[in-house]
Amino acid sequence: MKLKRSILSIVMLIAIFTVLMACNESENKAIKPRVLISSDIGGTDPDDFQSMIHLLMYADQFEIEGLVSSPYGEGSTTDFLDMIALYNQDYAQLLPHAPELPSPESLRKITKQGGKDAAPFKGYSTPTEGSEWIIKCAKAESDQRLWVLVWGGIEDLAQALHDAPEIKENIRVYWIGGPNKKWSINAYSYIAANHPDLWMIEANATYRGWFMEEDSPEDLKGDVFYNNYIQARGSMGKDFFNYYDGDIKMGDTPSLVYLMNGDPNDPTGESWGGSFEKVNRSTRNVFKGGSTVSDTVAAYGTIEWQFDGPELEVSEDSVVFEIEIQNQTWPGYYIGKGIYGVKYSSKKPETGPYRTSSSISELNGLEGGYTSTFPWPGKASSYDCLLGPNWYSDRKDLGLFIQDQQGAKTVSKYRKEFLLDWAERWK
């Protein structure tokens, strides 16, 4: 009888242990962050190709649910698929070291085409395959929120929020802003004005700490890392050299490593992807009739010019003039009742002139300027968009700047850690 009881006790202990192990295994799988990448890969800047290679080499650490092509220029899903083809060539070699890597075919199935054009003045237009995929993923049954990591234009997210605002409860956003904000200013302005309760990290400058080398050991500097650690390993390693001759930029990667290190639920804490502070407003300056270089605005803020002209028999949001700023041209819109508008955001502190051109005489040849300064979000304006409790952006502490890049040291201080971790993956 004692022997039977002992055997029964052992069996029960084994059963309990098995259940506990199964629970632990389930918990470990559950903590993989759900991510959807929206990228301008193939557009104006080749650094997204570098970031994509980095993502694929760490893909076992995430549940990747979407790859949305949201480019400026000629980019498309083909650029994602080309990178997945390289991954496919390395897959068999990588799999023994990381058995949970997703299959190339599973990644192809979640690659979707987003918008190819900047949003009009109102900030949204029509649904895209990409915006609808964001909605679908955000509404999927899950105990976790979906991390939407935006590496380029924010148009597809703006469209998704317009079409299904309820998804805000299910997503968290980390956006690489700065230059992308300049291109996506209409979509961004729409989100800030109409969805201030979004959970958002708006990284306008912090991400630059990834490739600004003030705190870098010599052997990890961008121009030697390739030769020291990548050395053309595999198809992805060979391809990496095609972008900036292998010099490390990967300006979008901080959004990914933010989820790999630290507590992503606390943007004010420490992380490879930066540390941020809450902001309660998004700066917006409206100049009716124009501005001059003596008008000061915050870098990364929304500058909106409104001009008077004739009332036209055209639909609102029609492009009827252009404005040239910093040797680039931006569309200006008819916003109704004889009022014309255009928005802009500077990607850094700068002084810039502008000049308009149009077939409408009242809008042709208007000249002016602006001066943008740090830190963001700068002085308050009556036109500012008031934000909710979960909007975060670059830290204002001057000790965390690198040159004029706000908050960049919160990333660069971890350069040795995150690059050596990646070097191990290359081995």
Protein backbone atom coordinates (compact mmCIF):
# COMPACT_ATOMS: atom_id res chain seq x y z
CA MET A 1 0.00 0.00 0.00
CA LYS A 2 2.84 2.39 0.89
CA LEU A 3 4.53 1.58 -2.41
CA LYS A 4 1.32 2.36 -4.33
CA ARG A 5 0.96 5.67 -2.47
CA SER A 6 4.59 6.57 -3.24
CA ILE A 7 4.11 5.76 -6.91
CA LEU A 8 0.87 7.79 -6.97
CA SER A 9 2.63 10.73 -5.33
CA ILE A 10 5.45 10.59 -7.86
CA VAL A 11 2.96 10.42 -10.74
CA MET A 12 1.07 13.42 -9.32
CA LEU A 13 4.30 15.40 -8.93
CA ILE A 14 5.31 14.59 -12.49
CA ALA A 15 1.86 15.69 -13.71
CA ILE A 16 2.05 18.94 -11.76
CA PHE A 17 5.59 19.58 -13.01
CA THR A 18 4.48 18.90 -16.60
CA VAL A 19 1.57 21.32 -16.27
CA LEU A 20 3.83 23.99 -14.77
CA MET A 21 6.38 23.52 -17.55
CA ALA A 22 3.62 23.77 -20.15
CA CYS A 23 2.35 26.96 -18.50
CA ASN A 24 5.84 28.45 -18.43
CA GLU A 25 6.37 27.53 -22.08
CA SER A 26 3.02 29.11 -22.96
CA GLU A 27 3.92 32.27 -21.05
CA ASN A 28 7.28 32.50 -22.79
CA LYS A 29 5.61 32.28 -26.19
CA ALA A 30 2.96 34.81 -25.18
CA ILE A 31 5.45 37.53 -24.34
CA LYS A 32 6.75 37.78 -27.90
CA PRO A 33 5.69 41.27 -29.00
CA ARG A 34 3.19 41.44 -31.86
CA VAL A 35 4.61 43.83 -34.46
CA LEU A 36 3.53 45.36 -37.74
CA ILE A 37 6.11 47.30 -39.74
CA SER A 38 5.08 50.20 -41.99
CA SER A 39 8.12 51.15 -44.06
CA ASP A 40 9.12 53.41 -46.94
CA ILE A 41 11.59 50.73 -48.07
CA GLY A 42 12.61 51.36 -51.66
CA GLY A 43 11.62 55.00 -51.39
CA THR A 44 13.92 57.96 -50.86
CA ASP A 45 16.35 56.50 -48.31
CA PRO A 46 18.08 53.07 -48.52
CA ASP A 47 18.52 52.72 -44.76
CA ASP A 48 15.24 50.75 -44.54
CA PHE A 49 16.95 47.88 -46.39
CA GLN A 50 19.54 47.77 -43.60
CA SER A 51 16.80 47.87 -40.96
CA MET A 52 14.93 45.08 -42.73
CA ILE A 53 18.01 42.83 -42.65
CA HIS A 54 18.34 43.54 -38.93
CA LEU A 55 14.66 42.70 -38.39
CA LEU A 56 14.94 39.39 -40.27
CA MET A 57 17.95 38.36 -38.20
CA TYR A 58 15.93 38.89 -34.99
CA ALA A 59 12.59 37.70 -36.36
CA ASP A 60 12.44 34.80 -33.89
CA GLN A 61 11.90 37.30 -31.07
CA PHE A 62 8.66 38.74 -32.49
CA GLU A 63 5.28 37.78 -33.85
CA ILE A 64 5.53 39.67 -37.13
CA GLU A 65 1.97 40.28 -38.35
CA GLY A 66 2.43 42.77 -41.15
CA LEU A 67 4.95 44.32 -43.53
CA VAL A 68 3.26 47.35 -45.11
CA SER A 69 4.96 49.22 -47.94
CA SER A 70 4.31 52.94 -47.36
CA PRO A 71 6.90 54.62 -49.57
CA TYR A 72 7.77 57.97 -51.01
CA GLY A 73 9.10 57.49 -54.50
CA GLU A 74 9.27 54.18 -56.31
CA GLY A 75 9.16 51.73 -53.41
CA SER A 76 6.65 48.88 -53.31
CA THR A 77 6.03 45.44 -51.81
CA THR A 78 8.61 44.15 -54.30
CA ASP A 79 11.31 45.67 -52.10
CA PHE A 80 10.06 43.73 -49.08
CA LEU A 81 9.82 40.55 -51.15
CA ASP A 82 13.38 41.00 -52.43
CA MET A 83 14.64 41.11 -48.84
CA ILE A 84 12.58 38.06 -47.91
CA ALA A 85 14.17 36.25 -50.88
CA LEU A 86 17.62 36.95 -49.40
CA TYR A 87 16.38 35.72 -46.02
CA ASN A 88 15.12 32.57 -47.75
CA GLN A 89 18.63 31.88 -49.04
CA ASP A 90 20.05 32.15 -45.49
CA TYR A 91 17.10 30.50 -43.74
CA ALA A 92 18.45 26.93 -43.56
CA GLN A 93 21.71 28.17 -42.06
CA LEU A 94 19.98 30.41 -39.52
CA LEU A 95 17.28 27.99 -38.40
CA PRO A 96 19.45 25.67 -36.23
CA HIS A 97 20.52 28.72 -34.20
CA ALA A 98 17.03 30.25 -33.96
CA PRO A 99 14.36 27.53 -34.47
CA GLU A 100 11.46 29.97 -34.03
CA LEU A 101 12.36 32.09 -37.03
CA PRO A 102 9.25 32.58 -39.21
CA SER A 103 9.24 30.91 -42.60
CA PRO A 104 9.88 33.08 -45.66
CA GLU A 105 6.47 32.08 -47.03
CA SER A 106 4.68 33.28 -43.88
CA LEU A 107 6.36 36.68 -44.28
CA ARG A 108 5.36 36.91 -47.93
CA LYS A 109 1.72 36.35 -46.97
CA ILE A 110 1.67 39.37 -44.64
CA THR A 111 3.37 41.79 -47.06
CA LYS A 112 0.87 44.44 -48.16
CA GLN A 113 0.88 47.54 -50.33
CA GLY A 114 0.11 50.82 -48.61
CA GLY A 115 -0.31 54.33 -49.94
CA LYS A 116 2.25 55.68 -52.37
CA ASP A 117 1.34 59.36 -52.10
CA ALA A 118 1.39 61.85 -49.28
CA ALA A 119 -2.02 62.57 -47.75
CA PRO A 120 -3.89 65.68 -48.89
CA PHE A 121 -4.44 68.68 -46.62
CA LYS A 122 -7.16 66.94 -44.58
CA GLY A 123 -4.74 64.11 -43.71
CA TYR A 124 -6.40 61.03 -45.19
CA SER A 125 -7.83 59.87 -48.51
CA THR A 126 -9.01 56.34 -49.39
CA PRO A 127 -8.28 52.93 -47.85
CA THR A 128 -5.31 50.92 -49.06
CA GLU A 129 -4.44 47.26 -48.75
CA GLY A 130 -1.96 48.35 -46.09
CA SER A 131 -4.38 50.47 -44.04
CA GLU A 132 -6.97 47.69 -44.12
CA TRP A 133 -4.33 45.17 -42.98
CA ILE A 134 -3.47 47.42 -40.02
CA ILE A 135 -7.15 47.39 -39.04
CA LYS A 136 -7.41 43.61 -39.46
CA CYS A 137 -4.33 42.93 -37.33
CA ALA A 138 -5.40 45.45 -34.67
CA LYS A 139 -8.80 43.76 -34.38
CA ALA A 140 -7.42 40.22 -34.18
CA GLU A 141 -8.17 38.41 -30.93
CA SER A 142 -5.14 38.66 -28.68
CA ASP A 143 -4.16 39.26 -25.07
CA GLN A 144 -1.48 41.65 -26.36
CA ARG A 145 -1.65 45.00 -28.08
CA LEU A 146 -0.22 45.30 -31.57
CA TRP A 147 2.96 47.38 -31.91
CA VAL A 148 2.80 49.45 -35.09
CA LEU A 149 6.37 50.47 -35.92
CA VAL A 150 6.34 53.21 -38.52
CA TRP A 151 9.60 53.55 -40.48
CA GLY A 152 8.36 56.09 -43.00
CA GLY A 153 5.16 57.88 -43.88
CA ILE A 154 2.33 57.66 -41.39
CA GLU A 155 -0.42 57.87 -44.04
CA ASP A 156 -1.58 54.26 -43.76
CA LEU A 157 -1.92 54.53 -40.00
CA ALA A 158 -3.83 57.82 -40.36
CA GLN A 159 -6.16 56.16 -42.86
CA ALA A 160 -6.68 53.17 -40.57
CA LEU A 161 -7.50 55.45 -37.62
CA HIS A 162 -9.93 57.43 -39.77
CA ASP A 163 -11.71 54.29 -40.99
CA ALA A 164 -11.68 52.39 -37.68
CA PRO A 165 -10.88 54.73 -34.76
CA GLU A 166 -11.73 51.96 -32.30
CA ILE A 167 -8.41 50.25 -33.05
CA LYS A 168 -6.67 52.82 -30.83
CA GLU A 169 -7.51 50.61 -27.86
CA ASN A 170 -5.52 47.74 -29.37
CA ILE A 171 -2.36 49.37 -30.73
CA ARG A 172 0.79 51.10 -29.61
CA VAL A 173 2.78 53.17 -32.05
CA TYR A 174 6.49 53.98 -32.29
CA TRP A 175 7.06 56.39 -35.16
CA ILE A 176 10.42 57.48 -36.55
CA GLY A 177 9.41 61.10 -37.18
CA GLY A 178 11.79 63.93 -38.05
CA PRO A 179 12.25 63.79 -41.85
CA ASN A 180 9.29 61.42 -42.15
CA LYS A 181 7.15 63.95 -40.31
CA LYS A 182 8.14 66.59 -42.86
CA TRP A 183 6.85 64.39 -45.68
CA SER A 184 3.81 63.18 -43.73
CA ILE A 185 2.83 66.45 -42.09
CA ASN A 186 -0.79 66.37 -43.30
CA ALA A 187 -1.37 62.83 -42.02
CA TYR A 188 0.44 63.58 -38.76
CA SER A 189 -1.62 66.76 -38.20
CA TYR A 190 -4.80 64.78 -38.71
CA ILE A 191 -3.76 62.19 -36.10
CA ALA A 192 -2.66 64.79 -33.53
CA ALA A 193 -5.87 66.81 -33.94
CA ASN A 194 -8.35 63.93 -34.13
CA HIS A 195 -6.74 61.06 -32.23
CA PRO A 196 -4.85 62.68 -29.34
CA ASP A 197 -5.69 59.68 -27.14
CA LEU A 198 -3.49 57.41 -29.29
CA TRP A 199 -0.65 55.63 -27.44
CA MET A 200 2.28 57.10 -29.38
CA ILE A 201 6.05 57.43 -29.21
CA GLU A 202 6.96 60.24 -31.60
CA ALA A 203 10.73 59.96 -32.04
CA ASN A 204 11.76 63.02 -34.04
CA ALA A 205 15.44 63.02 -33.12
CA THR A 206 16.15 60.37 -30.47
CA TYR A 207 16.60 57.66 -33.11
CA ARG A 208 19.63 59.49 -34.53
CA GLY A 209 21.64 58.20 -31.58
CA TRP A 210 21.75 54.89 -33.46
CA PHE A 211 24.17 56.25 -36.05
CA MET A 212 25.67 59.39 -34.46
CA GLU A 213 29.01 58.12 -33.18
CA GLU A 214 29.97 60.47 -30.36
CA ASP A 215 29.78 57.61 -27.82
CA SER A 216 31.03 54.82 -30.09
CA PRO A 217 34.05 52.56 -29.50
CA GLU A 218 36.39 52.65 -32.51
CA ASP A 219 35.71 49.05 -33.60
CA LEU A 220 31.94 49.68 -33.64
CA LYS A 221 31.93 52.83 -35.74
CA GLY A 222 29.63 52.68 -38.73
CA ASP A 223 32.37 52.63 -41.34
CA VAL A 224 34.24 49.66 -39.81
CA PHE A 225 31.46 47.54 -38.29
CA TYR A 226 30.81 45.80 -41.61
CA ASN A 227 34.40 44.67 -42.04
CA ASN A 228 34.79 43.77 -38.37
CA TYR A 229 31.59 41.81 -37.84
CA ILE A 230 29.45 41.28 -40.94
CA GLN A 231 32.17 40.33 -43.42
CA ALA A 232 29.70 39.48 -46.22
CA ARG A 233 28.27 36.54 -44.27
CA GLY A 234 25.37 34.93 -46.11
CA SER A 235 23.17 36.50 -48.75
CA MET A 236 21.94 39.19 -46.36
CA GLY A 237 25.48 40.05 -45.35
CA LYS A 238 26.56 40.44 -48.95
CA ASP A 239 23.52 42.59 -49.74
CA PHE A 240 24.05 44.83 -46.71
CA PHE A 241 27.10 46.34 -48.41
CA ASN A 242 24.86 47.67 -51.21
CA TYR A 243 23.49 50.36 -48.88
CA TYR A 244 25.90 53.15 -47.93
CA ASP A 245 28.78 50.74 -48.72
CA GLY A 246 27.95 48.89 -45.54
CA ASP A 247 28.21 51.97 -43.32
CA ILE A 248 25.75 51.52 -40.46
CA LYS A 249 22.72 53.82 -40.53
CA MET A 250 19.52 51.83 -39.93
CA GLY A 251 17.72 54.90 -38.61
CA ASP A 252 14.44 52.99 -38.16
CA THR A 253 15.89 50.11 -36.13
CA PRO A 254 15.54 51.90 -32.75
CA SER A 255 11.79 51.26 -32.96
CA LEU A 256 12.47 47.51 -33.05
CA VAL A 257 15.17 47.31 -30.39
CA TYR A 258 12.92 49.38 -28.12
CA LEU A 259 10.91 46.16 -27.76
CA MET A 260 14.01 44.02 -27.15
CA ASN A 261 15.44 45.78 -24.14
CA GLY A 262 13.86 47.45 -21.12
CA ASP A 263 10.15 47.73 -20.40
CA PRO A 264 8.35 48.85 -23.58
CA ASN A 265 5.26 49.72 -21.53
CA ASP A 266 7.23 52.52 -19.89
CA PRO A 267 8.66 54.92 -22.51
CA THR A 268 10.21 57.02 -19.73
CA GLY A 269 12.52 54.14 -18.75
CA GLU A 270 15.81 53.00 -20.25
CA SER A 271 15.91 51.11 -23.55
CA TRP A 272 18.13 50.48 -26.56
CA GLY A 273 15.43 52.32 -28.52
CA GLY A 274 15.58 55.44 -26.38
CA SER A 275 14.00 57.07 -23.37
CA PHE A 276 11.15 59.55 -23.79
CA GLU A 277 8.99 61.96 -21.84
CA LYS A 278 5.31 62.75 -21.97
CA VAL A 279 4.23 65.69 -24.10
CA ASN A 280 0.81 67.24 -23.65
CA ARG A 281 0.65 69.18 -26.91
CA SER A 282 1.80 69.04 -30.50
CA THR A 283 3.05 72.45 -31.56
CA ARG A 284 1.19 74.10 -34.42
CA ASN A 285 1.70 77.64 -35.73
CA VAL A 286 -0.73 79.14 -38.22
CA PHE A 287 0.42 82.18 -40.22
CA LYS A 288 -2.36 83.94 -42.05
CA GLY A 289 -0.93 85.91 -44.93
CA GLY A 290 2.64 84.66 -44.48
CA SER A 291 5.60 84.78 -42.10
CA THR A 292 9.21 86.01 -41.97
CA VAL A 293 12.46 84.61 -40.58
CA SER A 294 11.78 86.60 -37.40
CA ASP A 295 8.82 84.26 -36.75
CA THR A 296 10.11 81.49 -34.51
CA VAL A 297 8.59 78.02 -34.41
CA ALA A 298 9.60 74.71 -32.85
CA ALA A 299 11.60 72.28 -34.95
CA TYR A 300 9.35 69.28 -35.75
CA GLY A 301 6.28 71.44 -35.15
CA THR A 302 3.52 71.97 -37.70
CA ILE A 303 3.84 75.22 -39.66
CA GLU A 304 0.68 76.11 -41.54
CA TRP A 305 0.41 79.03 -43.94
CA GLN A 306 -2.97 80.33 -45.05
CA PHE A 307 -3.36 82.78 -47.92
CA ASP A 308 -6.39 84.62 -49.27
CA GLY A 309 -7.37 84.36 -52.93
CA PRO A 310 -10.33 84.04 -55.24
CA GLU A 311 -13.17 81.62 -54.55
CA LEU A 312 -12.84 78.73 -56.98
CA GLU A 313 -15.29 76.22 -58.38
CA VAL A 314 -13.06 73.29 -57.42
CA SER A 315 -13.34 70.70 -54.69
CA GLU A 316 -11.67 71.36 -51.38
CA ASP A 317 -8.24 69.71 -51.05
CA SER A 318 -7.46 70.42 -54.70
CA VAL A 319 -3.79 71.22 -55.32
CA VAL A 320 -3.71 74.73 -56.83
CA PHE A 321 -0.29 76.11 -55.86
CA GLU A 322 3.19 75.05 -54.75
CA ILE A 323 5.61 76.29 -52.14
CA GLU A 324 9.40 75.84 -52.34
CA ILE A 325 11.23 75.39 -49.03
CA GLN A 326 14.83 74.20 -48.56
CA ASN A 327 15.08 73.40 -52.30
CA GLN A 328 12.07 71.09 -52.10
CA THR A 329 8.56 71.70 -53.40
CA TRP A 330 5.36 71.02 -51.48
CA PRO A 331 1.73 71.06 -52.69
CA GLY A 332 -0.62 73.80 -51.57
CA TYR A 333 -4.37 73.24 -51.36
CA TYR A 334 -7.64 75.06 -51.76
CA ILE A 335 -9.37 74.69 -48.39
CA GLY A 336 -12.54 76.56 -49.30
CA LYS A 337 -14.14 80.04 -49.16
CA GLY A 338 -11.22 81.69 -50.89
CA ILE A 339 -8.63 80.34 -48.43
CA TYR A 340 -5.53 78.39 -49.50
CA GLY A 341 -3.32 76.38 -47.18
CA VAL A 342 -0.08 74.43 -46.97
CA LYS A 343 1.66 72.66 -44.08
CA TYR A 344 5.34 72.02 -43.42
CA SER A 345 7.54 70.65 -40.63
CA SER A 346 11.28 71.24 -40.32
CA LYS A 347 13.32 68.10 -39.63
CA LYS A 348 15.85 70.04 -37.54
CA PRO A 349 16.50 73.54 -36.20
CA GLU A 350 16.88 75.75 -39.26
CA THR A 351 16.15 79.09 -40.91
CA GLY A 352 14.44 78.84 -44.25
CA PRO A 353 12.89 81.07 -46.90
CA TYR A 354 9.86 80.10 -48.93
CA ARG A 355 8.39 81.12 -52.26
CA THR A 356 5.06 80.16 -53.81
CA SER A 357 4.20 79.54 -57.45
CA SER A 358 0.76 79.23 -59.02
CA SER A 359 -1.29 80.05 -62.09
CA ILE A 360 -3.49 82.02 -59.68
CA SER A 361 -1.94 85.48 -59.64
CA GLU A 362 -2.76 86.16 -55.98
CA LEU A 363 -0.80 83.05 -54.97
CA ASN A 364 2.16 83.42 -57.31
CA GLY A 365 5.52 84.67 -56.06
CA LEU A 366 4.65 85.09 -52.37
CA GLU A 367 7.85 85.12 -50.31
CA GLY A 368 8.64 84.79 -46.64
CA GLY A 369 10.46 82.61 -44.15
CA TYR A 370 10.60 81.05 -40.70
CA THR A 371 13.13 80.07 -38.03
CA SER A 372 12.78 76.78 -36.17
CA THR A 373 14.52 76.15 -32.86
CA PHE A 374 14.91 73.40 -30.26
CA PRO A 375 13.81 71.95 -27.97
CA TRP A 376 10.58 70.43 -29.27
CA PRO A 377 7.72 71.11 -28.53
CA GLY A 378 8.83 74.72 -27.82
CA LYS A 379 6.58 77.61 -26.91
CA ALA A 380 2.85 77.06 -26.58
CA SER A 381 0.51 78.41 -29.24
CA SER A 382 -3.24 78.84 -29.25
CA TYR A 383 -3.27 76.60 -32.35
CA ASP A 384 -1.52 73.67 -30.64
CA CYS A 385 -3.13 70.22 -30.67
CA LEU A 386 -3.68 69.11 -27.08
CA LEU A 387 -2.61 65.51 -26.56
CA GLY A 388 -3.77 62.73 -24.25
CA PRO A 389 -1.89 61.04 -21.39
CA ASN A 390 0.01 58.50 -23.54
CA TRP A 391 1.89 60.60 -26.10
CA TYR A 392 5.68 60.56 -25.69
CA SER A 393 8.52 62.29 -27.49
CA ASP A 394 12.21 63.24 -27.31
CA ARG A 395 13.63 64.27 -23.95
CA LYS A 396 14.30 68.01 -23.63
CA ASP A 397 17.32 67.77 -21.28
CA LEU A 398 20.20 69.52 -23.11
CA GLY A 399 22.62 66.98 -21.65
CA LEU A 400 20.95 64.29 -23.76
CA PHE A 401 21.45 66.11 -27.07
CA ILE A 402 24.08 65.11 -29.62
CA GLN A 403 24.80 68.32 -31.50
CA ASP A 404 21.30 69.62 -32.26
CA GLN A 405 19.57 66.22 -32.05
CA GLN A 406 17.26 66.10 -29.06
CA GLY A 407 17.36 62.97 -26.90
CA ALA A 408 19.90 61.16 -29.10
CA LYS A 409 22.15 60.20 -26.20
CA THR A 410 19.41 58.00 -24.75
CA VAL A 411 20.12 55.64 -27.67
CA SER A 412 23.83 56.23 -28.35
CA LYS A 413 24.77 55.35 -24.75
CA TYR A 414 23.84 51.73 -25.53
CA ARG A 415 25.70 51.53 -28.83
CA LYS A 416 28.22 48.97 -27.60
CA GLU A 417 25.50 46.72 -26.17
CA PHE A 418 23.17 46.63 -29.14
CA LEU A 419 25.86 46.38 -31.83
CA LEU A 420 27.77 43.60 -30.07
CA ASP A 421 24.49 41.74 -29.61
CA TRP A 422 23.93 42.02 -33.35
CA ALA A 423 27.53 40.96 -34.01
CA GLU A 424 26.78 37.68 -32.20
CA ARG A 425 23.91 37.07 -34.59
CA TRP A 426 26.22 37.55 -37.55
CA LYS A 427 28.47 34.81 -36.21
